[in-house]
Amino acid sequence: MKTKTSSRLLTKRVAYAVAGLALSIGSAALAEETVAVSSSAPEKTRGLYNAFELGIGAGYSQGVGDVGRGVPSLTDSGGPGTSVEVDLGWRIDPNFLVGVYGTGAWFSTGDAPGNAFNNWSATAGVQGNYHFLPGESLDPWIGAGWRGYWVNRPEGRDSRHGLDVARLQIGLDVPVAQGVTISPFVGAAATVFLTQQLAQESSFSDIQERKVNVFLNAGVLGRFDLLGSPSARKAADL
């Protein structure tokens, strides 16, 4: 009981920290924009063409929904947790990006009795982003992609594998320098688990009557555009 209580307290603290950081970034961006308007409006930071983009982020994650017949729901098996994300992509132009991503997450124990002490997960997939207002002080972006998803419970060693059939993130790019942005974001992934292996089993078996469940996330992502050019013509010469 003490382990479960401390895990939930840690998760709440991380969630509050992420929310506070996002609010601080937004406040700083608005303050910076106010100063720029009052001081002869310097040139805007322009988006890059043909750039390699690296993204590193962290935040909050939570799974909800049923998995399948005879399988504990996501809230029974795991509670809120923290996640990290790494993105690698090609910034085709200031608007479009295509690439791959990977995430890792730790979840607190769930509501059902007899749970493991901790839950872990990892994902990988492909994605695309569209930036609506590249070069502006605030640049909303939206991304979608596919990813594999599996959950490992070290205590009991129950493992499940599945697919994120849809992944959506919406964020706000706050540029801090040419090719560098800080992006608070929220997102969700629709997941279908396909197979599982329980602690007492020696092989994987299909999950029956599979259900679509959802993983929610929110956090802050640092995005770094490398080797690109603010000019389409110069980018073509690279």
C-alpha atoms as a PDB file:
ATOM      1  CA  MET A   1       0.000   0.000   0.000  1.00  0.00           C
ATOM      2  CA  LYS A   2       2.843   2.365   0.827  1.00  0.00           C
ATOM      3  CA  THR A   3       4.468   1.663  -2.566  1.00  0.00           C
ATOM      4  CA  LYS A   4       1.218   2.368  -4.428  1.00  0.00           C
ATOM      5  CA  THR A   5       0.667   5.626  -2.488  1.00  0.00           C
ATOM      6  CA  SER A   6       4.198   6.885  -3.123  1.00  0.00           C
ATOM      7  CA  SER A   7       3.934   5.969  -6.821  1.00  0.00           C
ATOM      8  CA  ARG A   8       0.752   7.987  -7.244  1.00  0.00           C
ATOM      9  CA  LEU A   9       2.240  10.949  -5.348  1.00  0.00           C
ATOM     10  CA  LEU A  10       5.285  10.895  -7.654  1.00  0.00           C
ATOM     11  CA  THR A  11       3.063  10.753 -10.739  1.00  0.00           C
ATOM     12  CA  LYS A  12       0.991  13.703  -9.548  1.00  0.00           C
ATOM     13  CA  ARG A  13       4.125  15.743  -8.853  1.00  0.00           C
ATOM     14  CA  VAL A  14       5.486  15.060 -12.328  1.00  0.00           C
ATOM     15  CA  ALA A  15       2.133  15.993 -13.903  1.00  0.00           C
ATOM     16  CA  TYR A  16       2.027  19.260 -11.937  1.00  0.00           C
ATOM     17  CA  ALA A  17       5.620  20.016 -12.945  1.00  0.00           C
ATOM     18  CA  VAL A  18       4.876  19.440 -16.644  1.00  0.00           C
ATOM     19  CA  ALA A  19       1.777  21.637 -16.467  1.00  0.00           C
ATOM     20  CA  GLY A  20       3.711  24.365 -14.677  1.00  0.00           C
ATOM     21  CA  LEU A  21       6.498  24.251 -17.255  1.00  0.00           C
ATOM     22  CA  ALA A  22       4.016  24.497 -20.122  1.00  0.00           C
ATOM     23  CA  LEU A  23       2.335  27.514 -18.508  1.00  0.00           C
ATOM     24  CA  SER A  24       5.713  29.149 -17.892  1.00  0.00           C
ATOM     25  CA  ILE A  25       6.714  28.669 -21.531  1.00  0.00           C
ATOM     26  CA  GLY A  26       3.433  30.138 -22.742  1.00  0.00           C
ATOM     27  CA  SER A  27       3.757  33.143 -20.422  1.00  0.00           C
ATOM     28  CA  ALA A  28       7.338  33.750 -21.529  1.00  0.00           C
ATOM     29  CA  ALA A  29       6.341  33.575 -25.195  1.00  0.00           C
ATOM     30  CA  LEU A  30       3.530  36.098 -24.730  1.00  0.00           C
ATOM     31  CA  ALA A  31       5.819  38.422 -22.784  1.00  0.00           C
ATOM     32  CA  GLU A  32       8.469  38.203 -25.499  1.00  0.00           C
ATOM     33  CA  GLU A  33       5.897  38.979 -28.189  1.00  0.00           C
ATOM     34  CA  THR A  34       4.750  42.060 -26.261  1.00  0.00           C
ATOM     35  CA  VAL A  35       8.320  43.364 -26.069  1.00  0.00           C
ATOM     36  CA  ALA A  36       8.808  42.743 -29.807  1.00  0.00           C
ATOM     37  CA  VAL A  37       5.695  44.733 -30.733  1.00  0.00           C
ATOM     38  CA  SER A  38       6.813  47.697 -28.669  1.00  0.00           C
ATOM     39  CA  SER A  39      10.330  47.754 -30.100  1.00  0.00           C
ATOM     40  CA  SER A  40      10.069  48.069 -33.873  1.00  0.00           C
ATOM     41  CA  ALA A  41       9.136  44.409 -34.612  1.00  0.00           C
ATOM     42  CA  PRO A  42      12.346  42.522 -35.480  1.00  0.00           C
ATOM     43  CA  GLU A  43      12.442  39.982 -38.302  1.00  0.00           C
ATOM     44  CA  LYS A  44      10.508  36.790 -37.586  1.00  0.00           C
ATOM     45  CA  THR A  45      12.267  33.466 -37.088  1.00  0.00           C
ATOM     46  CA  ARG A  46      11.604  31.585 -40.316  1.00  0.00           C
ATOM     47  CA  GLY A  47      11.000  27.870 -40.656  1.00  0.00           C
ATOM     48  CA  LEU A  48      13.636  25.702 -42.324  1.00  0.00           C
ATOM     49  CA  TYR A  49      13.661  23.657 -45.540  1.00  0.00           C
ATOM     50  CA  ASN A  50      15.213  20.215 -45.956  1.00  0.00           C
ATOM     51  CA  ALA A  51      16.294  19.953 -42.305  1.00  0.00           C
ATOM     52  CA  PHE A  52      16.954  16.992 -40.065  1.00  0.00           C
ATOM     53  CA  GLU A  53      14.784  17.402 -36.961  1.00  0.00           C
ATOM     54  CA  LEU A  54      15.486  15.938 -33.535  1.00  0.00           C
ATOM     55  CA  GLY A  55      12.772  16.065 -30.870  1.00  0.00           C
ATOM     56  CA  ILE A  56      13.206  15.173 -27.190  1.00  0.00           C
ATOM     57  CA  GLY A  57      10.283  15.350 -24.786  1.00  0.00           C
ATOM     58  CA  ALA A  58       8.797  14.240 -21.487  1.00  0.00           C
ATOM     59  CA  GLY A  59       5.377  14.339 -19.896  1.00  0.00           C
ATOM     60  CA  TYR A  60       2.357  12.565 -18.462  1.00  0.00           C
ATOM     61  CA  SER A  61       0.677   9.407 -19.811  1.00  0.00           C
ATOM     62  CA  GLN A  62      -2.477   7.456 -18.868  1.00  0.00           C
ATOM     63  CA  GLY A  63      -4.208   4.473 -20.435  1.00  0.00           C
ATOM     64  CA  VAL A  64      -8.001   3.992 -20.236  1.00  0.00           C
ATOM     65  CA  GLY A  65     -10.435   1.399 -21.601  1.00  0.00           C
ATOM     66  CA  ASP A  66     -10.974  -2.353 -21.885  1.00  0.00           C
ATOM     67  CA  VAL A  67      -8.435  -4.645 -23.565  1.00  0.00           C
ATOM     68  CA  GLY A  68     -10.380  -7.840 -24.302  1.00  0.00           C
ATOM     69  CA  ARG A  69     -12.289 -10.763 -22.813  1.00  0.00           C
ATOM     70  CA  GLY A  70     -10.754 -11.929 -19.531  1.00  0.00           C
ATOM     71  CA  VAL A  71      -8.038  -9.239 -19.613  1.00  0.00           C
ATOM     72  CA  PRO A  72      -7.845  -6.510 -16.944  1.00  0.00           C
ATOM     73  CA  SER A  73      -8.718  -3.036 -18.177  1.00  0.00           C
ATOM     74  CA  LEU A  74      -5.939  -0.466 -18.487  1.00  0.00           C
ATOM     75  CA  THR A  75      -7.071   1.336 -15.327  1.00  0.00           C
ATOM     76  CA  ASP A  76      -7.096  -1.984 -13.442  1.00  0.00           C
ATOM     77  CA  SER A  77      -3.563  -2.903 -14.510  1.00  0.00           C
ATOM     78  CA  GLY A  78      -1.910   0.526 -14.503  1.00  0.00           C
ATOM     79  CA  GLY A  79      -2.467   4.085 -13.350  1.00  0.00           C
ATOM     80  CA  PRO A  80      -1.079   7.471 -14.440  1.00  0.00           C
ATOM     81  CA  GLY A  81       2.600   7.604 -15.324  1.00  0.00           C
ATOM     82  CA  THR A  82       5.473   9.544 -16.824  1.00  0.00           C
ATOM     83  CA  SER A  83       6.815   9.206 -20.373  1.00  0.00           C
ATOM     84  CA  VAL A  84       9.791  10.202 -22.506  1.00  0.00           C
ATOM     85  CA  GLU A  85       9.835  10.584 -26.294  1.00  0.00           C
ATOM     86  CA  VAL A  86      12.476  10.832 -29.017  1.00  0.00           C
ATOM     87  CA  ASP A  87      11.548  11.907 -32.568  1.00  0.00           C
ATOM     88  CA  LEU A  88      13.711  11.801 -35.702  1.00  0.00           C
ATOM     89  CA  GLY A  89      12.390  13.408 -38.858  1.00  0.00           C
ATOM     90  CA  TRP A  90      12.915  15.186 -42.146  1.00  0.00           C
ATOM     91  CA  ARG A  91      11.557  18.742 -42.222  1.00  0.00           C
ATOM     92  CA  ILE A  92      10.660  18.838 -45.900  1.00  0.00           C
ATOM     93  CA  ASP A  93       9.694  22.503 -45.698  1.00  0.00           C
ATOM     94  CA  PRO A  94       8.488  24.844 -42.904  1.00  0.00           C
ATOM     95  CA  ASN A  95       5.063  23.147 -42.943  1.00  0.00           C
ATOM     96  CA  PHE A  96       5.668  19.414 -43.423  1.00  0.00           C
ATOM     97  CA  LEU A  97       7.677  16.831 -41.476  1.00  0.00           C
ATOM     98  CA  VAL A  98       7.834  13.039 -41.807  1.00  0.00           C
ATOM     99  CA  GLY A  99       9.787  10.749 -39.514  1.00  0.00           C
ATOM    100  CA  VAL A 100       9.924   8.058 -36.849  1.00  0.00           C
ATOM    101  CA  TYR A 101       9.458   8.146 -33.100  1.00  0.00           C
ATOM    102  CA  GLY A 102       9.987   6.066 -30.002  1.00  0.00           C
ATOM    103  CA  THR A 103       8.621   6.444 -26.484  1.00  0.00           C
ATOM    104  CA  GLY A 104       9.072   4.847 -23.094  1.00  0.00           C
ATOM    105  CA  ALA A 105       6.751   5.143 -20.102  1.00  0.00           C
ATOM    106  CA  TRP A 106       6.469   4.111 -16.477  1.00  0.00           C
ATOM    107  CA  PHE A 107       2.977   3.662 -15.012  1.00  0.00           C
ATOM    108  CA  SER A 108       1.888   3.495 -11.397  1.00  0.00           C
ATOM    109  CA  THR A 109       0.027   0.367 -10.265  1.00  0.00           C
ATOM    110  CA  GLY A 110      -3.664   0.068 -11.116  1.00  0.00           C
ATOM    111  CA  ASP A 111      -6.889  -0.417  -9.159  1.00  0.00           C
ATOM    112  CA  ALA A 112      -7.131  -4.229  -9.243  1.00  0.00           C
ATOM    113  CA  PRO A 113      -5.715  -6.285  -6.322  1.00  0.00           C
ATOM    114  CA  GLY A 114      -2.555  -8.324  -6.834  1.00  0.00           C
ATOM    115  CA  ASN A 115      -0.911  -5.900  -9.266  1.00  0.00           C
ATOM    116  CA  ALA A 116       2.810  -5.780  -9.941  1.00  0.00           C
ATOM    117  CA  PHE A 117       4.908  -3.144  -8.240  1.00  0.00           C
ATOM    118  CA  ASN A 118       5.355  -1.221 -11.478  1.00  0.00           C
ATOM    119  CA  ASN A 119       4.367  -1.224 -15.152  1.00  0.00           C
ATOM    120  CA  TRP A 120       6.494  -0.287 -18.146  1.00  0.00           C
ATOM    121  CA  SER A 121       5.740   0.298 -21.776  1.00  0.00           C
ATOM    122  CA  ALA A 122       7.498   1.256 -25.003  1.00  0.00           C
ATOM    123  CA  THR A 123       6.336   2.299 -28.457  1.00  0.00           C
ATOM    124  CA  ALA A 124       7.793   2.913 -31.910  1.00  0.00           C
ATOM    125  CA  GLY A 125       6.345   4.016 -35.223  1.00  0.00           C
ATOM    126  CA  VAL A 126       6.174   6.508 -38.064  1.00  0.00           C
ATOM    127  CA  GLN A 127       4.515   9.915 -38.039  1.00  0.00           C
ATOM    128  CA  GLY A 128       3.853  13.104 -39.974  1.00  0.00           C
ATOM    129  CA  ASN A 129       3.528  16.661 -38.688  1.00  0.00           C
ATOM    130  CA  TYR A 130       1.926  19.696 -40.264  1.00  0.00           C
ATOM    131  CA  HIS A 131       2.902  23.141 -38.938  1.00  0.00           C
ATOM    132  CA  PHE A 132       0.166  25.714 -39.520  1.00  0.00           C
ATOM    133  CA  LEU A 133       2.106  28.945 -38.863  1.00  0.00           C
ATOM    134  CA  PRO A 134       5.845  28.302 -39.308  1.00  0.00           C
ATOM    135  CA  GLY A 135       7.971  31.302 -38.406  1.00  0.00           C
ATOM    136  CA  GLU A 136       5.362  32.957 -36.206  1.00  0.00           C
ATOM    137  CA  SER A 137       5.866  33.507 -32.482  1.00  0.00           C
ATOM    138  CA  LEU A 138       3.343  30.730 -31.806  1.00  0.00           C
ATOM    139  CA  ASP A 139       3.114  27.843 -34.295  1.00  0.00           C
ATOM    140  CA  PRO A 140       0.391  25.185 -33.763  1.00  0.00           C
ATOM    141  CA  TRP A 141       1.216  21.746 -35.144  1.00  0.00           C
ATOM    142  CA  ILE A 142      -0.630  18.491 -35.518  1.00  0.00           C
ATOM    143  CA  GLY A 143       0.875  15.023 -35.962  1.00  0.00           C
ATOM    144  CA  ALA A 144      -0.402  11.528 -36.635  1.00  0.00           C
ATOM    145  CA  GLY A 145       1.219   8.142 -37.053  1.00  0.00           C
ATOM    146  CA  TRP A 146       1.302   4.406 -36.393  1.00  0.00           C
ATOM    147  CA  ARG A 147       3.192   2.651 -33.623  1.00  0.00           C
ATOM    148  CA  GLY A 148       3.709  -0.751 -32.052  1.00  0.00           C
ATOM    149  CA  TYR A 149       2.932  -0.896 -28.370  1.00  0.00           C
ATOM    150  CA  TRP A 150       3.791  -3.364 -25.649  1.00  0.00           C
ATOM    151  CA  VAL A 151       3.407  -3.369 -21.848  1.00  0.00           C
ATOM    152  CA  ASN A 152       5.690  -5.304 -19.520  1.00  0.00           C
ATOM    153  CA  ARG A 153       4.948  -5.904 -15.859  1.00  0.00           C
ATOM    154  CA  PRO A 154       8.218  -6.939 -14.188  1.00  0.00           C
ATOM    155  CA  GLU A 155       6.416  -8.417 -11.168  1.00  0.00           C
ATOM    156  CA  GLY A 156       4.425 -11.275 -12.664  1.00  0.00           C
ATOM    157  CA  ARG A 157       5.920 -10.746 -16.138  1.00  0.00           C
ATOM    158  CA  ASP A 158       2.611 -10.293 -17.954  1.00  0.00           C
ATOM    159  CA  SER A 159       3.360  -8.970 -21.459  1.00  0.00           C
ATOM    160  CA  ARG A 160       1.023  -7.628 -24.149  1.00  0.00           C
ATOM    161  CA  HIS A 161       1.735  -6.547 -27.698  1.00  0.00           C
ATOM    162  CA  GLY A 162      -0.444  -4.524 -30.039  1.00  0.00           C
ATOM    163  CA  LEU A 163      -0.797  -1.643 -32.432  1.00  0.00           C
ATOM    164  CA  ASP A 164      -1.582   2.019 -32.052  1.00  0.00           C
ATOM    165  CA  VAL A 165      -3.984   2.213 -34.971  1.00  0.00           C
ATOM    166  CA  ALA A 166      -4.133   6.014 -34.723  1.00  0.00           C
ATOM    167  CA  ARG A 167      -1.898   8.542 -32.962  1.00  0.00           C
ATOM    168  CA  LEU A 168      -2.686  12.228 -32.750  1.00  0.00           C
ATOM    169  CA  GLN A 169      -0.782  15.077 -31.105  1.00  0.00           C
ATOM    170  CA  ILE A 170      -1.590  18.776 -31.082  1.00  0.00           C
ATOM    171  CA  GLY A 171       1.017  21.234 -29.859  1.00  0.00           C
ATOM    172  CA  LEU A 172       2.194  24.805 -29.965  1.00  0.00           C
ATOM    173  CA  ASP A 173       5.707  25.611 -31.191  1.00  0.00           C
ATOM    174  CA  VAL A 174       7.381  28.471 -29.307  1.00  0.00           C
ATOM    175  CA  PRO A 175      10.601  29.408 -31.181  1.00  0.00           C
ATOM    176  CA  VAL A 176      13.589  30.326 -29.022  1.00  0.00           C
ATOM    177  CA  ALA A 177      16.190  30.546 -31.829  1.00  0.00           C
ATOM    178  CA  GLN A 178      16.582  29.717 -35.518  1.00  0.00           C
ATOM    179  CA  GLY A 179      15.698  26.008 -35.781  1.00  0.00           C
ATOM    180  CA  VAL A 180      14.997  25.580 -32.053  1.00  0.00           C
ATOM    181  CA  THR A 181      11.495  25.451 -30.534  1.00  0.00           C
ATOM    182  CA  ILE A 182       9.839  24.428 -27.274  1.00  0.00           C
ATOM    183  CA  SER A 183       6.466  22.728 -27.808  1.00  0.00           C
ATOM    184  CA  PRO A 184       3.859  22.039 -25.124  1.00  0.00           C
ATOM    185  CA  PHE A 185       1.532  19.312 -26.467  1.00  0.00           C
ATOM    186  CA  VAL A 186      -1.434  17.058 -25.716  1.00  0.00           C
ATOM    187  CA  GLY A 187      -2.239  13.840 -27.513  1.00  0.00           C
ATOM    188  CA  ALA A 188      -4.030  10.504 -27.643  1.00  0.00           C
ATOM    189  CA  ALA A 189      -3.486   7.103 -29.240  1.00  0.00           C
ATOM    190  CA  ALA A 190      -6.128   4.491 -30.092  1.00  0.00           C
ATOM    191  CA  THR A 191      -4.622   1.091 -29.291  1.00  0.00           C
ATOM    192  CA  VAL A 192      -5.619  -2.524 -29.967  1.00  0.00           C
ATOM    193  CA  PHE A 193      -3.711  -5.223 -28.064  1.00  0.00           C
ATOM    194  CA  LEU A 194      -3.339  -8.407 -30.141  1.00  0.00           C
ATOM    195  CA  THR A 195      -1.449 -10.967 -28.051  1.00  0.00           C
ATOM    196  CA  GLN A 196      -0.407 -11.565 -24.456  1.00  0.00           C
ATOM    197  CA  GLN A 197       1.750 -13.862 -22.359  1.00  0.00           C
ATOM    198  CA  LEU A 198       0.870 -14.239 -18.684  1.00  0.00           C
ATOM    199  CA  ALA A 199       3.340 -15.110 -15.936  1.00  0.00           C
ATOM    200  CA  GLN A 200       2.300 -18.767 -15.794  1.00  0.00           C
ATOM    201  CA  GLU A 201       2.350 -19.231 -19.601  1.00  0.00           C
ATOM    202  CA  SER A 202       5.280 -20.246 -21.800  1.00  0.00           C
ATOM    203  CA  SER A 203       4.106 -18.602 -25.056  1.00  0.00           C
ATOM    204  CA  PHE A 204       1.946 -15.809 -26.411  1.00  0.00           C
ATOM    205  CA  SER A 205      -1.736 -16.320 -27.194  1.00  0.00           C
ATOM    206  CA  ASP A 206      -4.289 -14.201 -29.042  1.00  0.00           C
ATOM    207  CA  ILE A 207      -6.473 -11.848 -27.028  1.00  0.00           C
ATOM    208  CA  GLN A 208     -10.142 -12.645 -27.607  1.00  0.00           C
ATOM    209  CA  GLU A 209     -12.842 -10.028 -28.299  1.00  0.00           C
ATOM    210  CA  ARG A 210     -10.279  -7.244 -28.619  1.00  0.00           C
ATOM    211  CA  LYS A 211     -11.299  -3.725 -27.671  1.00  0.00           C
ATOM    212  CA  VAL A 212     -10.013  -0.337 -28.765  1.00  0.00           C
ATOM    213  CA  ASN A 213      -8.556   1.560 -25.799  1.00  0.00           C
ATOM    214  CA  VAL A 214      -6.937   4.967 -25.505  1.00  0.00           C
ATOM    215  CA  PHE A 215      -3.654   6.283 -24.127  1.00  0.00           C
ATOM    216  CA  LEU A 216      -3.681   9.991 -23.245  1.00  0.00           C
ATOM    217  CA  ASN A 217      -0.529  12.092 -22.928  1.00  0.00           C
ATOM    218  CA  ALA A 218       0.622  15.664 -22.357  1.00  0.00           C
ATOM    219  CA  GLY A 219       4.043  17.208 -21.979  1.00  0.00           C
ATOM    220  CA  VAL A 220       6.755  19.417 -23.428  1.00  0.00           C
ATOM    221  CA  LEU A 221       8.884  18.652 -26.494  1.00  0.00           C
ATOM    222  CA  GLY A 222      12.139  20.333 -27.520  1.00  0.00           C
ATOM    223  CA  ARG A 223      12.563  20.395 -31.311  1.00  0.00           C
ATOM    224  CA  PHE A 224      15.929  21.022 -33.020  1.00  0.00           C
ATOM    225  CA  ASP A 225      16.173  21.529 -36.812  1.00  0.00           C
ATOM    226  CA  LEU A 226      19.691  20.774 -38.083  1.00  0.00           C
ATOM    227  CA  LEU A 227      21.442  21.207 -41.461  1.00  0.00           C
ATOM    228  CA  GLY A 228      18.493  22.986 -43.061  1.00  0.00           C
ATOM    229  CA  SER A 229      18.119  26.375 -44.733  1.00  0.00           C
ATOM    230  CA  PRO A 230      15.555  29.195 -44.413  1.00  0.00           C
ATOM    231  CA  SER A 231      15.503  29.363 -48.242  1.00  0.00           C
ATOM    232  CA  ALA A 232      13.997  26.685 -50.474  1.00  0.00           C
ATOM    233  CA  ARG A 233      16.589  27.440 -53.193  1.00  0.00           C
ATOM    234  CA  LYS A 234      19.529  27.121 -50.788  1.00  0.00           C
ATOM    235  CA  ALA A 235      18.059  23.913 -49.343  1.00  0.00           C
ATOM    236  CA  ALA A 236      17.987  22.376 -52.845  1.00  0.00           C
ATOM    237  CA  ASP A 237      21.741  23.013 -53.124  1.00  0.00           C
ATOM    238  CA  LEU A 238      22.559  21.162 -49.885  1.00  0.00           C
END
